[in-house]
Every structure is written in C-alpha cells, then in structure tokens.
C-alpha cells in the first residue's frame, strides 16, 4: 500500500514504487501549459479536479471542465493549456507498457 497526500504539484507515484503506473498532480495558472508531448507506447488518463482546460489531441481542440476525465491513446501528441482565470488542477495517470 502507498498513500500520499496531494498537497503540491509533482509526481505522486512512479517506478520503482509502482511497476507500470506513473501519476502526478499538475497545477497550471492562467497562460501556462504542459507543452506538446507524446506518451509513446503508453495510455494516459487525465482527471480535471479544478478549473477548465483547452485540450489539444492530434490537432483536435476541446474545452474540458472540472469533474471530467480525458483518455489519451498511446502515441498521440497532446497538450493542456489554461487560458482561464481560475487555476487548473488535474491528476494524470500513465500506464507504462511491459
């Protein structure tokens, strides 16, 4: 068992604590973004806890709000951007391939 309080942005769990899961808390202020990236050979789930995000996956743009879940298939270029006044807070879960 592993328990960690989510009090600050950063990695929550990753190998070697876990075998195939990586997770973290991200906090973005207005104008900040994660940056375009690809989770190569990994699926990713993002859960929006607070605020709104402009989500871009392979050029497709969606506005996603609090209490939403985003699934990103492996190998897809994506980015999350906070263009809004309210702070954006989300958890990501990445499932590493074997």
PDB file of N, CA and C in Angstrom:
ATOM      1  N   UNK A   1       0.846  -1.176   0.000  1.00  0.00           N
ATOM      2  CA  UNK A   1       0.000   0.000   0.000  1.00  0.00           C
ATOM      3  C   UNK A   1       0.890   1.238   0.000  1.00  0.00           C
ATOM      4  N   UNK A   2       0.417   2.268  -0.705  1.00  0.00           N
ATOM      5  CA  UNK A   2       1.134   3.530  -0.791  1.00  0.00           C
ATOM      6  C   UNK A   2       0.109   4.655  -0.728  1.00  0.00           C
ATOM      7  N   UNK A   3       0.263   5.571   0.197  1.00  0.00           N
ATOM      8  CA  UNK A   3      -0.663   6.691   0.344  1.00  0.00           C
ATOM      9  C   UNK A   3       0.155   7.972   0.377  1.00  0.00           C
ATOM     10  N   UNK A   4      -0.288   8.960  -0.396  1.00  0.00           N
ATOM     11  CA  UNK A   4       0.401  10.250  -0.426  1.00  0.00           C
ATOM     12  C   UNK A   4      -0.635  11.359  -0.522  1.00  0.00           C
ATOM     13  N   UNK A   5      -0.523  12.348   0.330  1.00  0.00           N
ATOM     14  CA  UNK A   5      -1.435  13.491   0.305  1.00  0.00           C
ATOM     15  C   UNK A   5      -1.115  14.360  -0.910  1.00  0.00           C
ATOM     16  N   UNK A   6      -2.144  14.771  -1.625  1.00  0.00           N
ATOM     17  CA  UNK A   6      -1.978  15.622  -2.806  1.00  0.00           C
ATOM     18  C   UNK A   6      -2.005  17.083  -2.378  1.00  0.00           C
ATOM     19  N   UNK A   7      -0.864  17.584  -1.956  1.00  0.00           N
ATOM     20  CA  UNK A   7      -0.810  18.949  -1.461  1.00  0.00           C
ATOM     21  C   UNK A   7      -0.030  19.893  -2.375  1.00  0.00           C
ATOM     22  N   UNK A   8       0.800  19.337  -3.254  1.00  0.00           N
ATOM     23  CA  UNK A   8       1.593  20.170  -4.160  1.00  0.00           C
ATOM     24  C   UNK A   8       1.744  19.460  -5.493  1.00  0.00           C
ATOM     25  N   UNK A   9       1.990  20.241  -6.537  1.00  0.00           N
ATOM     26  CA  UNK A   9       2.170  19.671  -7.872  1.00  0.00           C
ATOM     27  C   UNK A   9       3.423  18.810  -7.901  1.00  0.00           C
ATOM     28  N   UNK A  10       3.398  17.811  -8.755  1.00  0.00           N
ATOM     29  CA  UNK A  10       4.556  16.946  -8.934  1.00  0.00           C
ATOM     30  C   UNK A  10       4.169  15.495  -9.020  1.00  0.00           C
ATOM     31  N   UNK A  11       5.169  14.666  -9.152  1.00  0.00           N
ATOM     32  CA  UNK A  11       4.952  13.232  -9.272  1.00  0.00           C
ATOM     33  C   UNK A  11       4.354  12.690  -7.982  1.00  0.00           C
ATOM     34  N   UNK A  12       3.374  11.820  -8.122  1.00  0.00           N
ATOM     35  CA  UNK A  12       2.738  11.200  -6.966  1.00  0.00           C
ATOM     36  C   UNK A  12       3.284   9.791  -6.786  1.00  0.00           C
ATOM     37  N   UNK A  13       3.332   9.047  -7.886  1.00  0.00           N
ATOM     38  CA  UNK A  13       3.860   7.688  -7.841  1.00  0.00           C
ATOM     39  C   UNK A  13       4.503   7.353  -9.180  1.00  0.00           C
ATOM     40  N   UNK A  14       5.576   6.610  -9.135  1.00  0.00           N
ATOM     41  CA  UNK A  14       6.267   6.180 -10.350  1.00  0.00           C
ATOM     42  C   UNK A  14       7.202   5.039  -9.975  1.00  0.00           C
ATOM     43  N   UNK A  15       7.709   4.324 -10.968  1.00  0.00           N
ATOM     44  CA  UNK A  15       8.684   3.275 -10.654  1.00  0.00           C
ATOM     45  C   UNK A  15       9.871   3.878  -9.901  1.00  0.00           C
ATOM     46  N   UNK A  16      10.457   3.202  -8.972  1.00  0.00           N
ATOM     47  CA  UNK A  16      10.302   1.800  -8.616  1.00  0.00           C
ATOM     48  C   UNK A  16       9.204   1.510  -7.606  1.00  0.00           C
ATOM     49  N   UNK A  17       8.509   2.543  -7.076  1.00  0.00           N
ATOM     50  CA  UNK A  17       7.414   2.284  -6.137  1.00  0.00           C
ATOM     51  C   UNK A  17       6.325   1.478  -6.825  1.00  0.00           C
ATOM     52  N   UNK A  18       5.968   1.859  -8.037  1.00  0.00           N
ATOM     53  CA  UNK A  18       4.989   1.113  -8.830  1.00  0.00           C
ATOM     54  C   UNK A  18       5.731   0.408  -9.965  1.00  0.00           C
ATOM     55  N   UNK A  19       5.098  -0.593 -10.540  1.00  0.00           N
ATOM     56  CA  UNK A  19       5.735  -1.323 -11.638  1.00  0.00           C
ATOM     57  C   UNK A  19       5.409  -0.726 -12.999  1.00  0.00           C
ATOM     58  N   UNK A  20       4.132  -0.377 -13.237  1.00  0.00           N
ATOM     59  CA  UNK A  20       3.727   0.058 -14.573  1.00  0.00           C
ATOM     60  C   UNK A  20       2.826   1.296 -14.560  1.00  0.00           C
ATOM     61  N   UNK A  21       2.814   2.028 -13.461  1.00  0.00           N
ATOM     62  CA  UNK A  21       1.945   3.189 -13.354  1.00  0.00           C
ATOM     63  C   UNK A  21       2.755   4.397 -12.924  1.00  0.00           C
ATOM     64  N   UNK A  22       2.444   5.520 -13.551  1.00  0.00           N
ATOM     65  CA  UNK A  22       3.044   6.791 -13.170  1.00  0.00           C
ATOM     66  C   UNK A  22       1.893   7.768 -13.020  1.00  0.00           C
ATOM     67  N   UNK A  23       1.905   8.572 -11.963  1.00  0.00           N
ATOM     68  CA  UNK A  23       0.828   9.524 -11.732  1.00  0.00           C
ATOM     69  C   UNK A  23       1.380  10.784 -11.103  1.00  0.00           C
ATOM     70  N   UNK A  24       0.664  11.887 -11.327  1.00  0.00           N
ATOM     71  CA  UNK A  24       1.105  13.139 -10.741  1.00  0.00           C
ATOM     72  C   UNK A  24      -0.012  14.153 -10.695  1.00  0.00           C
ATOM     73  N   UNK A  25       0.234  15.201  -9.951  1.00  0.00           N
ATOM     74  CA  UNK A  25      -0.689  16.319  -9.833  1.00  0.00           C
ATOM     75  C   UNK A  25      -0.077  17.503 -10.568  1.00  0.00           C
ATOM     76  N   UNK A  26      -0.872  18.124 -11.440  1.00  0.00           N
ATOM     77  CA  UNK A  26      -0.413  19.288 -12.204  1.00  0.00           C
ATOM     78  C   UNK A  26      -1.284  20.482 -11.840  1.00  0.00           C
ATOM     79  N   UNK A  27      -0.644  21.625 -11.613  1.00  0.00           N
ATOM     80  CA  UNK A  27      -1.355  22.870 -11.336  1.00  0.00           C
ATOM     81  C   UNK A  27      -0.838  23.924 -12.311  1.00  0.00           C
ATOM     82  N   UNK A  28      -1.762  24.475 -13.104  1.00  0.00           N
ATOM     83  CA  UNK A  28      -1.394  25.491 -14.100  1.00  0.00           C
ATOM     84  C   UNK A  28      -2.162  26.778 -13.838  1.00  0.00           C
ATOM     85  N   UNK A  29      -1.446  27.891 -13.826  1.00  0.00           N
ATOM     86  CA  UNK A  29      -2.065  29.207 -13.709  1.00  0.00           C
ATOM     87  C   UNK A  29      -2.440  29.690 -15.107  1.00  0.00           C
ATOM     88  N   UNK A  30      -3.212  30.762 -15.162  1.00  0.00           N
ATOM     89  CA  UNK A  30      -3.623  31.321 -16.451  1.00  0.00           C
ATOM     90  C   UNK A  30      -2.396  31.561 -17.329  1.00  0.00           C
ATOM     91  N   UNK A  31      -2.473  31.105 -18.591  1.00  0.00           N
ATOM     92  CA  UNK A  31      -1.402  31.289 -19.550  1.00  0.00           C
ATOM     93  C   UNK A  31      -0.364  30.180 -19.555  1.00  0.00           C
ATOM     94  N   UNK A  32      -0.437  29.269 -18.594  1.00  0.00           N
ATOM     95  CA  UNK A  32       0.525  28.167 -18.546  1.00  0.00           C
ATOM     96  C   UNK A  32      -0.005  26.962 -19.308  1.00  0.00           C
ATOM     97  N   UNK A  33       0.923  26.134 -19.775  1.00  0.00           N
ATOM     98  CA  UNK A  33       0.561  24.904 -20.470  1.00  0.00           C
ATOM     99  C   UNK A  33       1.569  23.813 -20.149  1.00  0.00           C
ATOM    100  N   UNK A  34       1.173  22.583 -20.409  1.00  0.00           N
ATOM    101  CA  UNK A  34       2.066  21.451 -20.175  1.00  0.00           C
ATOM    102  C   UNK A  34       3.138  21.413 -21.254  1.00  0.00           C
ATOM    103  N   UNK A  35       2.744  21.690 -22.480  1.00  0.00           N
ATOM    104  CA  UNK A  35       3.646  21.589 -23.633  1.00  0.00           C
ATOM    105  C   UNK A  35       3.300  20.353 -24.444  1.00  0.00           C
ATOM    106  N   UNK A  36       3.394  20.472 -25.753  1.00  0.00           N
ATOM    107  CA  UNK A  36       3.084  19.346 -26.639  1.00  0.00           C
ATOM    108  C   UNK A  36       4.029  18.196 -26.345  1.00  0.00           C
ATOM    109  N   UNK A  37       3.450  17.005 -26.193  1.00  0.00           N
ATOM    110  CA  UNK A  37       4.262  15.813 -25.969  1.00  0.00           C
ATOM    111  C   UNK A  37       3.483  14.559 -26.365  1.00  0.00           C
ATOM    112  N   UNK A  38       4.203  13.471 -26.470  1.00  0.00           N
ATOM    113  CA  UNK A  38       3.606  12.176 -26.814  1.00  0.00           C
ATOM    114  C   UNK A  38       3.967  11.194 -25.714  1.00  0.00           C
ATOM    115  N   UNK A  39       2.959  10.495 -25.214  1.00  0.00           N
ATOM    116  CA  UNK A  39       3.229   9.423 -24.263  1.00  0.00           C
ATOM    117  C   UNK A  39       3.384   8.141 -25.089  1.00  0.00           C
ATOM    118  N   UNK A  40       4.564   7.996 -25.663  1.00  0.00           N
ATOM    119  CA  UNK A  40       4.877   6.910 -26.582  1.00  0.00           C
ATOM    120  C   UNK A  40       4.639   5.543 -25.951  1.00  0.00           C
ATOM    121  N   UNK A  41       3.825   4.723 -26.598  1.00  0.00           N
ATOM    122  CA  UNK A  41       3.503   3.362 -26.149  1.00  0.00           C
ATOM    123  C   UNK A  41       2.889   3.331 -24.751  1.00  0.00           C
ATOM    124  N   UNK A  42       2.209   4.416 -24.377  1.00  0.00           N
ATOM    125  CA  UNK A  42       1.541   4.490 -23.083  1.00  0.00           C
ATOM    126  C   UNK A  42       0.190   5.164 -23.224  1.00  0.00           C
ATOM    127  N   UNK A  43      -0.766   4.662 -22.511  1.00  0.00           N
ATOM    128  CA  UNK A  43      -2.070   5.309 -22.438  1.00  0.00           C
ATOM    129  C   UNK A  43      -2.041   6.279 -21.262  1.00  0.00           C
ATOM    130  N   UNK A  44      -2.839   7.343 -21.375  1.00  0.00           N
ATOM    131  CA  UNK A  44      -2.876   8.328 -20.298  1.00  0.00           C
ATOM    132  C   UNK A  44      -4.315   8.703 -19.992  1.00  0.00           C
ATOM    133  N   UNK A  45      -4.587   8.873 -18.713  1.00  0.00           N
ATOM    134  CA  UNK A  45      -5.886   9.363 -18.251  1.00  0.00           C
ATOM    135  C   UNK A  45      -5.630  10.640 -17.476  1.00  0.00           C
ATOM    136  N   UNK A  46      -6.440  11.658 -17.755  1.00  0.00           N
ATOM    137  CA  UNK A  46      -6.352  12.937 -17.051  1.00  0.00           C
ATOM    138  C   UNK A  46      -7.704  13.199 -16.403  1.00  0.00           C
ATOM    139  N   UNK A  47      -7.675  13.572 -15.134  1.00  0.00           N
ATOM    140  CA  UNK A  47      -8.901  13.876 -14.398  1.00  0.00           C
ATOM    141  C   UNK A  47      -8.816  15.330 -13.939  1.00  0.00           C
ATOM    142  N   UNK A  48      -9.737  16.158 -14.441  1.00  0.00           N
ATOM    143  CA  UNK A  48      -9.756  17.580 -14.097  1.00  0.00           C
ATOM    144  C   UNK A  48     -10.429  17.743 -12.733  1.00  0.00           C
ATOM    145  N   UNK A  49      -9.676  18.281 -11.777  1.00  0.00           N
ATOM    146  CA  UNK A  49     -10.179  18.482 -10.422  1.00  0.00           C
ATOM    147  C   UNK A  49     -10.717  19.892 -10.203  1.00  0.00           C
ATOM    148  N   UNK A  50     -10.126  20.866 -10.915  1.00  0.00           N
ATOM    149  CA  UNK A  50     -10.490  22.271 -10.721  1.00  0.00           C
ATOM    150  C   UNK A  50     -10.199  23.050 -11.995  1.00  0.00           C
ATOM    151  N   UNK A  51     -11.100  23.959 -12.347  1.00  0.00           N
ATOM    152  CA  UNK A  51     -10.871  24.838 -13.489  1.00  0.00           C
ATOM    153  C   UNK A  51     -11.300  24.240 -14.813  1.00  0.00           C
ATOM    154  N   UNK A  52     -10.761  24.832 -15.889  1.00  0.00           N
ATOM    155  CA  UNK A  52     -11.055  24.410 -17.261  1.00  0.00           C
ATOM    156  C   UNK A  52      -9.743  24.307 -18.020  1.00  0.00           C
ATOM    157  N   UNK A  53      -9.732  23.442 -19.028  1.00  0.00           N
ATOM    158  CA  UNK A  53      -8.529  23.262 -19.839  1.00  0.00           C
ATOM    159  C   UNK A  53      -8.892  23.257 -21.308  1.00  0.00           C
ATOM    160  N   UNK A  54      -8.032  23.853 -22.102  1.00  0.00           N
ATOM    161  CA  UNK A  54      -8.091  23.692 -23.552  1.00  0.00           C
ATOM    162  C   UNK A  54      -7.208  22.480 -23.830  1.00  0.00           C
ATOM    163  N   UNK A  55      -7.823  21.421 -24.321  1.00  0.00           N
ATOM    164  CA  UNK A  55      -7.108  20.172 -24.576  1.00  0.00           C
ATOM    165  C   UNK A  55      -6.945  20.003 -26.080  1.00  0.00           C
ATOM    166  N   UNK A  56      -5.719  19.765 -26.501  1.00  0.00           N
ATOM    167  CA  UNK A  56      -5.438  19.548 -27.917  1.00  0.00           C
ATOM    168  C   UNK A  56      -4.820  18.165 -28.054  1.00  0.00           C
ATOM    169  N   UNK A  57      -5.516  17.290 -28.796  1.00  0.00           N
ATOM    170  CA  UNK A  57      -5.015  15.940 -29.057  1.00  0.00           C
ATOM    171  C   UNK A  57      -4.973  15.750 -30.566  1.00  0.00           C
ATOM    172  N   UNK A  58      -3.758  15.599 -31.102  1.00  0.00           N
ATOM    173  CA  UNK A  58      -3.559  15.421 -32.545  1.00  0.00           C
ATOM    174  C   UNK A  58      -4.296  16.497 -33.348  1.00  0.00           C
ATOM    175  N   UNK A  59      -4.251  17.746 -32.864  1.00  0.00           N
ATOM    176  CA  UNK A  59      -4.854  18.870 -33.573  1.00  0.00           C
ATOM    177  C   UNK A  59      -6.324  19.104 -33.267  1.00  0.00           C
ATOM    178  N   UNK A  60      -6.994  18.152 -32.624  1.00  0.00           N
ATOM    179  CA  UNK A  60      -8.405  18.320 -32.243  1.00  0.00           C
ATOM    180  C   UNK A  60      -8.468  19.070 -30.927  1.00  0.00           C
ATOM    181  N   UNK A  61      -9.264  20.150 -30.882  1.00  0.00           N
ATOM    182  CA  UNK A  61      -9.342  21.007 -29.691  1.00  0.00           C
ATOM    183  C   UNK A  61     -10.692  20.806 -28.991  1.00  0.00           C
ATOM    184  N   UNK A  62     -10.621  20.647 -27.667  1.00  0.00           N
ATOM    185  CA  UNK A  62     -11.816  20.519 -26.839  1.00  0.00           C
ATOM    186  C   UNK A  62     -11.637  21.366 -25.587  1.00  0.00           C
ATOM    187  N   UNK A  63     -12.731  21.941 -25.101  1.00  0.00           N
ATOM    188  CA  UNK A  63     -12.740  22.623 -23.809  1.00  0.00           C
ATOM    189  C   UNK A  63     -13.244  21.608 -22.789  1.00  0.00           C
ATOM    190  N   UNK A  64     -12.462  21.385 -21.742  1.00  0.00           N
ATOM    191  CA  UNK A  64     -12.807  20.385 -20.737  1.00  0.00           C
ATOM    192  C   UNK A  64     -12.888  21.067 -19.379  1.00  0.00           C
ATOM    193  N   UNK A  65     -13.943  20.760 -18.623  1.00  0.00           N
ATOM    194  CA  UNK A  65     -14.178  21.402 -17.332  1.00  0.00           C
ATOM    195  C   UNK A  65     -13.978  20.436 -16.168  1.00  0.00           C
ATOM    196  N   UNK A  66     -14.009  21.010 -14.976  1.00  0.00           N
ATOM    197  CA  UNK A  66     -13.897  20.266 -13.725  1.00  0.00           C
ATOM    198  C   UNK A  66     -14.796  19.028 -13.744  1.00  0.00           C
ATOM    199  N   UNK A  67     -14.339  17.978 -13.076  1.00  0.00           N
ATOM    200  CA  UNK A  67     -15.059  16.705 -12.947  1.00  0.00           C
ATOM    201  C   UNK A  67     -15.144  15.947 -14.267  1.00  0.00           C
ATOM    202  N   UNK A  68     -14.192  16.188 -15.172  1.00  0.00           N
ATOM    203  CA  UNK A  68     -14.140  15.476 -16.449  1.00  0.00           C
ATOM    204  C   UNK A  68     -12.931  14.561 -16.488  1.00  0.00           C
ATOM    205  N   UNK A  69     -13.040  13.508 -17.268  1.00  0.00           N
ATOM    206  CA  UNK A  69     -11.949  12.568 -17.493  1.00  0.00           C
ATOM    207  C   UNK A  69     -11.593  12.591 -18.970  1.00  0.00           C
ATOM    208  N   UNK A  70     -10.307  12.622 -19.262  1.00  0.00           N
ATOM    209  CA  UNK A  70      -9.813  12.609 -20.641  1.00  0.00           C
ATOM    210  C   UNK A  70      -8.978  11.354 -20.817  1.00  0.00           C
ATOM    211  N   UNK A  71      -9.263  10.591 -21.853  1.00  0.00           N
ATOM    212  CA  UNK A  71      -8.461   9.413 -22.189  1.00  0.00           C
ATOM    213  C   UNK A  71      -7.624   9.741 -23.415  1.00  0.00           C
ATOM    214  N   UNK A  72      -6.321   9.509 -23.335  1.00  0.00           N
ATOM    215  CA  UNK A  72      -5.417   9.771 -24.459  1.00  0.00           C
ATOM    216  C   UNK A  72      -4.772   8.444 -24.854  1.00  0.00           C
ATOM    217  N   UNK A  73      -5.092   7.941 -26.057  1.00  0.00           N
ATOM    218  CA  UNK A  73      -4.484   6.682 -26.516  1.00  0.00           C
ATOM    219  C   UNK A  73      -2.980   6.820 -26.690  1.00  0.00           C
ATOM    220  N   UNK A  74      -2.286   5.720 -26.714  1.00  0.00           N
ATOM    221  CA  UNK A  74      -0.839   5.737 -26.871  1.00  0.00           C
ATOM    222  C   UNK A  74      -0.431   6.372 -28.193  1.00  0.00           C
ATOM    223  N   UNK A  75       0.709   7.062 -28.160  1.00  0.00           N
ATOM    224  CA  UNK A  75       1.286   7.639 -29.370  1.00  0.00           C
ATOM    225  C   UNK A  75       0.613   8.890 -29.899  1.00  0.00           C
ATOM    226  N   UNK A  76      -0.286   9.512 -29.150  1.00  0.00           N
ATOM    227  CA  UNK A  76      -0.992  10.712 -29.611  1.00  0.00           C
ATOM    228  C   UNK A  76      -0.357  11.970 -29.026  1.00  0.00           C
ATOM    229  N   UNK A  77      -0.022  12.926 -29.896  1.00  0.00           N
ATOM    230  CA  UNK A  77       0.533  14.204 -29.442  1.00  0.00           C
ATOM    231  C   UNK A  77      -0.579  15.006 -28.774  1.00  0.00           C
ATOM    232  N   UNK A  78      -0.278  15.545 -27.594  1.00  0.00           N
ATOM    233  CA  UNK A  78      -1.308  16.286 -26.872  1.00  0.00           C
ATOM    234  C   UNK A  78      -0.699  17.394 -26.014  1.00  0.00           C
ATOM    235  N   UNK A  79      -1.588  18.293 -25.589  1.00  0.00           N
ATOM    236  CA  UNK A  79      -1.200  19.420 -24.754  1.00  0.00           C
ATOM    237  C   UNK A  79      -2.421  19.880 -23.975  1.00  0.00           C
ATOM    238  N   UNK A  80      -2.209  20.403 -22.782  1.00  0.00           N
ATOM    239  CA  UNK A  80      -3.257  21.031 -21.974  1.00  0.00           C
ATOM    240  C   UNK A  80      -2.827  22.453 -21.694  1.00  0.00           C
ATOM    241  N   UNK A  81      -3.760  23.392 -21.890  1.00  0.00           N
ATOM    242  CA  UNK A  81      -3.472  24.809 -21.734  1.00  0.00           C
ATOM    243  C   UNK A  81      -4.533  25.429 -20.828  1.00  0.00           C
ATOM    244  N   UNK A  82      -4.098  26.267 -19.903  1.00  0.00           N
ATOM    245  CA  UNK A  82      -5.042  27.025 -19.089  1.00  0.00           C
ATOM    246  C   UNK A  82      -5.101  28.447 -19.620  1.00  0.00           C
ATOM    247  N   UNK A  83      -6.193  28.780 -20.295  1.00  0.00           N
ATOM    248  CA  UNK A  83      -6.405  30.130 -20.823  1.00  0.00           C
ATOM    249  C   UNK A  83      -7.382  30.917 -19.957  1.00  0.00           C
ATOM    250  N   UNK A  84      -7.673  30.405 -18.780  1.00  0.00           N
ATOM    251  CA  UNK A  84      -8.740  30.953 -17.952  1.00  0.00           C
ATOM    252  C   UNK A  84      -8.201  31.493 -16.636  1.00  0.00           C
ATOM    253  N   UNK A  85      -8.971  32.346 -15.977  1.00  0.00           N
ATOM    254  CA  UNK A  85      -8.544  32.983 -14.725  1.00  0.00           C
ATOM    255  C   UNK A  85      -8.328  31.966 -13.610  1.00  0.00           C
ATOM    256  N   UNK A  86      -9.243  31.015 -13.500  1.00  0.00           N
ATOM    257  CA  UNK A  86      -9.157  30.040 -12.413  1.00  0.00           C
ATOM    258  C   UNK A  86      -7.980  29.082 -12.631  1.00  0.00           C
ATOM    259  N   UNK A  87      -7.319  28.751 -11.558  1.00  0.00           N
ATOM    260  CA  UNK A  87      -6.221  27.784 -11.602  1.00  0.00           C
ATOM    261  C   UNK A  87      -6.748  26.434 -12.101  1.00  0.00           C
ATOM    262  N   UNK A  88      -5.978  25.782 -12.948  1.00  0.00           N
ATOM    263  CA  UNK A  88      -6.312  24.448 -13.460  1.00  0.00           C
ATOM    264  C   UNK A  88      -5.540  23.434 -12.637  1.00  0.00           C
ATOM    265  N   UNK A  89      -6.260  22.452 -12.108  1.00  0.00           N
ATOM    266  CA  UNK A  89      -5.626  21.412 -11.310  1.00  0.00           C
ATOM    267  C   UNK A  89      -6.123  20.061 -11.822  1.00  0.00           C
ATOM    268  N   UNK A  90      -5.175  19.166 -12.146  1.00  0.00           N
ATOM    269  CA  UNK A  90      -5.579  17.842 -12.608  1.00  0.00           C
ATOM    270  C   UNK A  90      -4.578  16.771 -12.204  1.00  0.00           C
ATOM    271  N   UNK A  91      -5.053  15.549 -12.230  1.00  0.00           N
ATOM    272  CA  UNK A  91      -4.231  14.378 -11.974  1.00  0.00           C
ATOM    273  C   UNK A  91      -4.057  13.646 -13.288  1.00  0.00           C
ATOM    274  N   UNK A  92      -2.840  13.187 -13.552  1.00  0.00           N
ATOM    275  CA  UNK A  92      -2.606  12.327 -14.722  1.00  0.00           C
ATOM    276  C   UNK A  92      -2.182  10.948 -14.261  1.00  0.00           C
ATOM    277  N   UNK A  93      -2.601   9.952 -15.019  1.00  0.00           N
ATOM    278  CA  UNK A  93      -2.227   8.565 -14.792  1.00  0.00           C
ATOM    279  C   UNK A  93      -1.699   8.027 -16.109  1.00  0.00           C
ATOM    280  N   UNK A  94      -0.481   7.528 -16.112  1.00  0.00           N
ATOM    281  CA  UNK A  94       0.131   6.966 -17.303  1.00  0.00           C
ATOM    282  C   UNK A  94       0.419   5.502 -17.016  1.00  0.00           C
ATOM    283  N   UNK A  95       0.012   4.652 -17.942  1.00  0.00           N
ATOM    284  CA  UNK A  95       0.181   3.215 -17.786  1.00  0.00           C
ATOM    285  C   UNK A  95       1.294   2.758 -18.716  1.00  0.00           C
ATOM    286  N   UNK A  96       2.422   2.383 -18.127  1.00  0.00           N
ATOM    287  CA  UNK A  96       3.610   2.006 -18.879  1.00  0.00           C
ATOM    288  C   UNK A  96       3.417   0.643 -19.526  1.00  0.00           C
ATOM    289  N   UNK A  97       3.937   0.494 -20.734  1.00  0.00           N
ATOM    290  CA  UNK A  97       3.855  -0.804 -21.411  1.00  0.00           C
ATOM    291  C   UNK A  97       4.863  -1.771 -20.791  1.00  0.00           C
ATOM    292  N   UNK A  98       4.633  -3.041 -21.009  1.00  0.00           N
ATOM    293  CA  UNK A  98       5.525  -4.052 -20.407  1.00  0.00           C
ATOM    294  C   UNK A  98       6.815  -4.205 -21.157  1.00  0.00           C
TER     295      UNK A  98
END
